[in-house]
Every structure is written in structure tokens, then in C-alpha cells.
Protein backbone atom coordinates (compact mmCIF):
# COMPACT_ATOMS: atom_id res chain seq x y z
CA MET A 1 68.67 64.93 -37.74
CA ILE A 2 68.66 63.36 -41.23
CA ALA A 3 67.02 67.16 -42.75
CA ALA A 4 69.51 68.38 -41.17
CA LEU A 5 72.42 67.03 -42.61
CA ILE A 6 72.00 68.78 -46.20
CA PHE A 7 72.88 71.52 -44.39
CA PHE A 8 76.38 70.56 -42.35
CA VAL A 9 78.01 70.87 -46.00
CA LEU A 10 80.28 72.72 -45.97
CA VAL A 11 81.36 74.56 -48.86
CA SER A 12 84.64 77.65 -47.91
CA ALA A 13 86.30 80.40 -48.35
CA SER A 14 88.18 81.64 -51.54
CA PRO A 15 89.89 79.68 -53.23
CA LEU A 16 87.82 76.78 -51.87
CA ASN A 17 84.47 78.66 -53.84
CA ALA A 18 83.98 77.32 -57.52
CA TRP A 19 81.25 80.58 -57.91
CA SER A 20 83.31 82.84 -58.28
CA LEU A 21 85.73 81.55 -60.86
CA PHE A 22 82.74 81.91 -63.30
CA GLY A 23 82.11 85.82 -62.53
CA THR A 24 79.14 88.09 -61.58
CA LYS A 25 76.72 86.63 -63.54
CA PRO A 26 74.37 83.85 -61.75
CA LEU A 27 74.85 80.33 -62.60
CA THR A 28 71.89 77.64 -62.40
CA PRO A 29 73.04 74.42 -60.43
CA GLU A 30 73.53 71.97 -63.57
CA GLU A 31 75.96 74.88 -65.54
CA LYS A 32 78.33 75.50 -61.55
CA ILE A 33 78.60 71.87 -62.52
CA GLN A 34 79.01 72.03 -65.87
CA GLN A 35 81.49 74.37 -65.49
CA LEU A 36 83.45 72.35 -62.96
CA GLN A 37 83.17 69.30 -65.55
CA LYS A 38 85.20 71.39 -67.81
CA GLN A 39 87.54 71.87 -65.38
CA GLN A 40 88.09 69.25 -64.10
CA VAL A 41 88.97 67.88 -67.59
CA ASP A 42 91.27 69.84 -67.58
CA HIS A 43 92.29 68.97 -63.92
CA PRO A 44 91.61 65.95 -62.97
CA ASP A 45 93.65 66.21 -59.95
CA ASP A 46 92.88 68.99 -58.12
CA PRO A 47 91.22 68.37 -54.96
CA VAL A 48 90.10 72.03 -55.37
CA VAL A 49 88.12 71.37 -58.37
CA ASN A 50 87.27 67.91 -57.12
CA TYR A 51 85.29 69.25 -54.25
CA ASN A 52 83.51 71.73 -55.13
CA LEU A 53 82.48 69.93 -58.05
CA GLY A 54 81.45 67.26 -55.34
CA VAL A 55 79.71 70.20 -53.52
CA ALA A 56 77.80 71.27 -56.43
CA LEU A 57 76.47 67.44 -57.33
CA TYR A 58 75.38 67.11 -53.30
CA ARG A 59 73.03 70.41 -53.53
CA ILE A 60 71.18 68.77 -55.97
CA ASN A 61 71.14 65.54 -55.14
CA ARG A 62 73.02 64.02 -57.75
CA LEU A 63 74.77 62.11 -54.17
CA GLN A 64 76.53 59.14 -55.58
CA GLU A 65 78.46 61.26 -58.46
CA ALA A 66 79.37 63.60 -55.18
CA GLN A 67 80.53 60.65 -53.14
CA SER A 68 83.10 59.89 -56.22
CA ASN A 69 84.70 62.72 -56.42
CA PHE A 70 84.99 63.45 -52.79
CA GLU A 71 86.66 60.30 -53.05
CA ARG A 72 89.20 62.22 -55.75
CA THR A 73 89.61 65.03 -53.56
CA LEU A 74 90.89 62.92 -50.66
CA ALA A 75 92.75 60.31 -52.91
CA HIS A 76 94.99 63.49 -54.63
CA ILE A 77 95.55 65.38 -50.50
CA LYS A 78 99.14 65.06 -49.98
CA SER A 79 99.33 66.65 -46.68
CA HIS A 80 96.67 66.92 -43.72
CA ASN A 81 94.45 70.19 -43.43
CA LYS A 82 91.51 71.98 -43.87
CA LEU A 83 90.36 70.73 -46.98
CA GLU A 84 90.55 66.88 -46.06
CA ARG A 85 88.60 67.83 -43.04
CA GLN A 86 86.03 69.09 -45.47
CA ALA A 87 85.74 66.21 -47.81
CA LEU A 88 85.91 63.61 -44.95
CA PHE A 89 83.20 65.10 -43.64
CA ASN A 90 81.26 65.99 -47.10
CA LYS A 91 81.99 62.39 -48.21
CA ALA A 92 80.46 60.90 -44.35
CA ASN A 93 77.33 62.93 -45.59
CA THR A 94 76.53 62.06 -48.54
CA GLU A 95 76.99 58.30 -47.62
CA LEU A 96 74.83 59.04 -44.60
CA LYS A 97 72.25 60.59 -46.71
CA LEU A 98 72.07 57.55 -49.32
CA THR A 99 71.87 55.62 -46.61
CA VAL A 100 68.60 57.02 -45.32
CA ASN A 101 66.80 57.19 -48.91
CA MET A 102 67.68 53.24 -50.18
CA LEU A 103 65.63 52.53 -46.83
CA PRO A 104 61.93 52.61 -47.20
CA PRO A 105 59.27 54.33 -44.84
CA HIS A 106 58.83 52.97 -41.32
CA TRP A 107 61.31 50.25 -42.50
CA GLU A 108 62.82 49.51 -38.88
CA GLU A 109 58.88 47.75 -39.00
CA GLN A 110 59.00 45.78 -41.84
CA LYS A 111 59.07 41.73 -41.56
CA ASP A 112 60.00 41.98 -45.68
CA LEU A 113 62.53 43.94 -45.89
CA ASP A 114 64.40 42.78 -48.66
CA GLN A 115 68.06 41.92 -47.59
CA GLN A 116 69.35 43.40 -50.84
CA ILE A 117 68.86 46.58 -49.06
CA VAL A 118 69.77 45.78 -46.33
CA SER A 119 72.95 44.27 -47.22
CA GLU A 120 74.15 47.49 -49.30
CA ALA A 121 73.14 50.38 -46.25
CA LEU A 122 74.95 48.15 -43.89
CA LYS A 123 77.90 49.28 -46.41
CA THR A 124 77.71 52.30 -47.30
CA ILE A 125 76.53 53.60 -42.91
CA ASN A 126 80.39 51.64 -42.56
CA GLN A 127 81.77 53.68 -44.84
CA ALA A 128 80.37 57.00 -44.20
CA ILE A 129 81.74 55.77 -39.84
CA GLN A 130 84.64 55.20 -41.04
CA GLU A 131 84.45 58.89 -42.62
CA TYR A 132 82.95 60.37 -38.85
CA GLN A 133 85.97 58.81 -37.33
CA LYS A 134 88.84 59.72 -39.54
CA LEU A 135 87.38 62.59 -39.37
CA LEU A 136 87.12 62.76 -35.96
CA ASP A 137 90.98 61.51 -35.06
CA LEU A 138 92.10 65.06 -36.53
CA GLU A 139 89.22 67.00 -34.92
CA PRO A 140 88.21 65.16 -31.72
CA LYS A 141 86.15 67.58 -30.37
CA ASN A 142 83.71 68.79 -33.83
CA ILE A 143 80.06 68.13 -32.21
CA LYS A 144 79.11 68.15 -35.92
CA ALA A 145 81.05 65.06 -36.79
CA GLN A 146 80.16 63.01 -33.48
CA THR A 147 75.93 64.18 -34.11
CA ASN A 148 75.98 62.49 -37.55
CA LYS A 149 78.55 59.98 -36.75
CA LYS A 150 75.79 59.39 -33.21
CA TYR A 151 72.74 58.52 -35.32
CA ALA A 152 75.07 57.05 -38.11
CA ASP A 153 75.93 54.26 -35.52
CA GLU A 154 72.20 53.78 -34.40
CA ILE A 155 71.12 53.21 -38.26
CA LYS A 156 74.29 50.62 -38.15
CA LYS A 157 72.49 49.28 -34.34
CA LYS A 158 69.03 48.54 -35.94
CA LEU A 159 69.75 47.23 -39.63
CA GLU A 160 72.11 44.54 -38.29
CA GLU A 161 69.73 43.72 -35.88
CA LYS A 162 67.02 43.82 -38.99
CA LYS A 163 70.02 42.02 -40.80
CA LYS A 164 70.30 38.92 -37.98
CA GLN A 165 66.76 38.61 -38.00
CA GLN A 166 65.97 38.17 -41.95
CA GLN A 167 68.61 35.22 -41.93
CA GLN A 168 66.56 33.59 -38.23
CA ASN A 169 63.88 34.03 -40.33
CA LYS A 170 65.72 32.50 -43.42
CA GLN A 171 66.68 29.60 -41.57
CA ASP A 172 63.45 29.16 -39.93
CA LYS A 173 61.87 28.61 -43.35
CA GLN A 174 64.06 26.86 -44.07
CA ASN A 175 63.58 23.99 -41.23
CA ASP A 176 60.09 24.41 -41.08
CA LYS A 177 60.23 23.10 -45.62
CA GLN A 178 63.27 20.65 -44.20
CA GLU A 179 60.65 19.26 -41.45
CA LYS A 180 57.31 19.53 -43.89
CA SER A 181 59.92 17.38 -46.51
CA GLN A 182 60.99 14.85 -43.76
CA ASP A 183 56.79 15.12 -43.17
CA ASN A 184 56.30 14.18 -46.35
CA LYS A 185 59.43 11.62 -46.49
CA GLN A 186 58.15 9.41 -43.48
CA ASP A 187 54.69 9.65 -45.17
CA GLN A 188 55.96 8.31 -48.88
CA GLN A 189 57.77 5.32 -46.59
CA LYS A 190 54.26 4.85 -44.65
CA GLU A 191 52.40 4.70 -48.00
CA GLN A 192 55.54 2.29 -49.41
CA HIS A 193 54.61 -0.17 -46.07
CA ASN A 194 51.44 0.30 -46.38
CA GLU A 195 51.32 -0.50 -50.63
CA GLN A 196 54.24 -3.44 -49.96
CA ASN A 197 52.49 -4.96 -46.79
CA ASN A 198 49.36 -5.02 -49.14
CA GLN A 199 51.10 -6.98 -51.97
CA LYS A 200 52.00 -9.60 -49.91
CA GLN A 201 48.23 -10.05 -48.39
CA GLN A 202 46.93 -10.27 -51.63
CA GLN A 203 49.79 -12.50 -52.60
CA SER A 204 49.57 -14.83 -49.98
CA GLU A 205 46.18 -15.16 -50.27
CA GLN A 206 46.04 -16.23 -53.50
CA GLN A 207 49.24 -18.49 -52.74
CA LYS A 208 46.93 -20.08 -50.90
CA GLN A 209 43.64 -20.41 -53.51
CA GLU A 210 46.54 -22.08 -55.48
CA GLN A 211 47.32 -23.83 -53.56
CA GLN A 212 43.80 -25.04 -52.18
CA ALA A 213 43.18 -25.59 -55.95
CA GLN A 214 45.33 -27.89 -56.76
CA GLN A 215 44.70 -29.09 -53.01
CA GLN A 216 41.25 -30.40 -55.45
CA GLN A 217 42.47 -31.63 -58.21
CA GLN A 218 44.60 -33.46 -55.93
CA ASN A 219 42.56 -34.87 -54.27
CA ALA A 220 39.74 -35.68 -57.25
CA PRO A 221 41.19 -39.08 -59.15
CA GLN A 222 41.16 -40.19 -54.83
CA GLU A 223 37.73 -39.80 -54.58
CA GLN A 224 37.08 -40.72 -57.67
CA GLN A 225 38.32 -44.16 -57.22
CA HIS A 226 36.84 -44.69 -53.84
CA ALA A 227 33.19 -44.27 -54.56
CA GLU A 228 34.34 -46.58 -58.01
CA SER A 229 35.47 -48.86 -55.53
CA GLU A 230 32.50 -48.68 -53.05
CA GLN A 231 30.02 -48.89 -55.59
CA ALA A 232 32.26 -52.07 -56.87
CA GLN A 233 32.26 -53.54 -53.62
CA GLN A 234 28.60 -53.87 -53.57
CA PRO A 235 27.13 -57.37 -54.21
CA GLN A 236 25.18 -57.85 -57.42
CA GLU A 237 21.92 -58.81 -57.19
CA SER A 238 21.21 -61.85 -59.34
CA SER A 239 17.89 -62.59 -61.45
CA GLU A 240 16.44 -65.09 -59.22
CA GLU A 241 17.10 -62.50 -56.05
CA ARG A 242 15.08 -59.66 -57.86
CA ARG A 243 12.36 -61.86 -58.92
CA MET A 244 12.43 -63.30 -55.19
CA ARG A 245 12.51 -59.11 -53.91
CA ALA A 246 9.14 -58.38 -56.63
CA LEU A 247 7.20 -61.67 -55.02
CA LEU A 248 7.74 -60.41 -51.57
CA GLU A 249 6.53 -57.01 -52.59
CA ASN A 250 3.59 -58.06 -54.34
CA LEU A 251 3.18 -60.09 -50.76
CA GLN A 252 3.36 -57.35 -49.02
CA SER A 253 0.84 -55.39 -50.93
CA ASP A 254 -1.81 -58.11 -51.04
CA GLU A 255 -1.88 -58.16 -47.58
CA THR A 256 -1.71 -55.27 -46.73
CA GLU A 257 -5.38 -54.96 -48.71
CA ARG A 258 -6.63 -57.95 -47.10
CA GLN A 259 -6.15 -56.16 -43.93
CA LYS A 260 -7.89 -52.69 -45.06
CA ALA A 261 -10.48 -54.88 -46.43
CA LEU A 262 -11.15 -57.00 -42.90
CA VAL A 263 -10.87 -53.80 -40.91
CA ARG A 264 -13.94 -51.89 -43.12
CA GLN A 265 -16.25 -55.45 -42.84
CA ASN A 266 -16.14 -55.37 -39.26
CA ALA A 267 -16.90 -51.37 -39.33
CA MET A 268 -19.91 -52.63 -41.12
CA ASN A 269 -20.76 -55.20 -38.81
CA GLN A 270 -20.42 -52.83 -35.76
CA GLN A 271 -22.75 -50.16 -37.00
CA PRO A 272 -25.76 -49.00 -34.52
CA PRO A 273 -29.83 -51.02 -34.82
CA GLN A 274 -31.98 -49.14 -36.48
CA GLN A 275 -35.15 -47.48 -35.04
CA GLY A 276 -37.46 -49.83 -33.61
CA GLN A 277 -35.38 -52.72 -34.67
CA LYS A 278 -34.61 -54.82 -31.19
CA PRO A 279 -30.63 -55.16 -30.06
CA TRP A 280 -29.44 -59.20 -30.02
């Protein structure tokens, strides 16, 4: 349907057909535009000149300039007439084609379509729909306007769905980002909590070791005093007692030697008789 829209631009007969103003010599599209632009300088508010310039610009796909000239046409029309209806239709067609041109091929299937493009396309297609509706208010049975408006409505619906999906995707990404940030924050808090517990445990162990060392230091003098006290309480051995103890130890040693000698003597006396000797 878009390909057919370019044939819907209306160029009426005289006096709207500006080409008759240039004589019989054929002019190129650029030459026609230059002639009309000169006329527009002299007659900036002339709706006929503005309209014909818009048509010429549309035909070579200079759509932004064509749209501007159709707007100037409508701004300077003083009463409802055929020129107004033609300008409305051509302005709407221009805006519809601008919308289609700014969208990439197969844009309906693209998930990462630029949000700015979608917003701009929606803005332009809404302008086209408004112009079609104004024309239909003047000509309710205009089949071409009805057909093009229906197609524009379909594009608008798809663009609105695309924009809604983009907003949802954006919200989902923000939610994912917030959840990830929250998870990271919780992980950091957990690590900090664990680190604090480890520090407390280390401090507790260090304090315990310090207390034990301090207790040992406090107990050391008492243990030393106790040992000295026990040593002091032991009875001191006199020289006479030491002499008697040494004498006793000598006597015990002599007795041990005497007992060993008796054992050897008895062993010798109990030896068996030699061969040929009679027993006692």
C-alpha cells in the first residue's frame, strides 16, 4: 500500500498547475522547484504557489520541505475549497511516507528498535492521521483518505505496542539492575558481618591469651615463694647426722660384700665328687 501512496498526490488543473507558468519548454524537477521558489519569494502567502512547490518537492522525495509547504498552503487558505482538501490529503500522505521512511525494514520484528525512532514515528503518524481525519470531516466518502487513514492507524497501533514493549523491557532491565544491586549490597553486608565476627573472635582470643599470660605472671612469684617455703621447711641435716649416715652406708656395703662371699663359698663346697672319688 505504501508504494501506491505516492500516486495519491493531487495536482489539479489550472490555475493550480504551476507547470503552465513556465512556457512550453520542458523543465527538470529541480528547475521547476527553482522557479516556484522564486515565485514564493514574491508571493510568500500565495496558497497556490506554496501548494505547487509542495507537490514538486514531494515528487523528488524532499518530504520535509514538501510538508512545510503544504502547511503554509493550509495556513493561508481563507475558506474551505478544493485546494484545502488537496493540501490536507497531500500533507497527510507526506507525513505517512515520512513515518515509513524513518522505520527500518522489518521493524515490527526488531526487539532493539531505537526508542527515539519509535517516538518520532509516532509523532509523525499522529499528524498524518489528524490530517486524514480533517479531510474526511469535509469529504466523508473520500475512499483514498479512508484507505490511507486505515493503514496509518495500523502503523500507529504497532508503534504503540512497540513503545509499550520497549518501556516494559526498560523497566525489566531497571528491575534486574536493582535486584543485582540489592544482591551485591546483601553480599557486601554479609562479608562485612563475617569480617566483623572474625575480628571479634580474634580480639577475644587475643584477650584470652593476654589474660592467661598476665595470670601466669601473677602466679609466678607465688609459686616461687611456695617452693622456697617448702625448701625452708625441710629439716637441716647436721654434720653428726651426715657422718652417721655415711658410716651406716659403709656398713651396709660391707655386709653386702660378705653375703656375696658366703654365697660363693657355699657354691664351691657343693661341687660334685671327681671321677673315682667316693662320696662321703
